[in-house]
Amino acid sequence: MNPVFSSDLLLDLLRRADGRRHEICGILRGIGPEVVRADPAANVAPDPARHFEIDPGALLAAWRDTRRPDAPGIAGWYHSHPSGDPDPSPTDAARADPDGRLWLIMGGGVARVWRAVPAGLRHGRFDPVRFLVRANRVDIWCEAVQMDDTGTLTSIGQREVRR
């Protein structure tokens, strides 16, 4: 099942990552295919400019929260590559469980979505994921989204579907 993101959520994440020297990271929360929020977490990696590690306290709190009947589940993780591209690194692959969760990675003002799977196409761990972006009255299937110089979200590899 392909994930669904609001354009506002994606733009907010790209703005948070823009200009940062350290990797930002957090937890994607979803209901069904829809990612409804992105909970920021502290990056506790020893070298946060080159790696990320989500604060274990934030992870534990998120897992506990999923026990509530109305709580969104954990759809996956997000992080940025301040001096790189939005593709998973070999380190990302080495640390990823092949559990089918989403990895939204941002770099250079672009965000891409990946799924952690056994024997993935990228580094043997990740497959690229097309995703749906909901914006106003239009749904757009994308391979990636980009924040332009004016702070506007544009899609890459798109196919537009009117609602």
Foldseek 3Di string as FASTA:
>chain_A
DAAEEAQVQVLVVLVVLPPDQFKWKFFFFADPRYRDHTDTADFPDPGRSADGDGDVVRVVVLVVQVVPPPGTHTQAMEMENAADAQDDDLVNQVPDDQPQHWYWYHYPQKIFIWTFHQQEPPNRGIDTGWHWYDDDQKIKTARMWGQDPVSDIDGHPIDIDGD
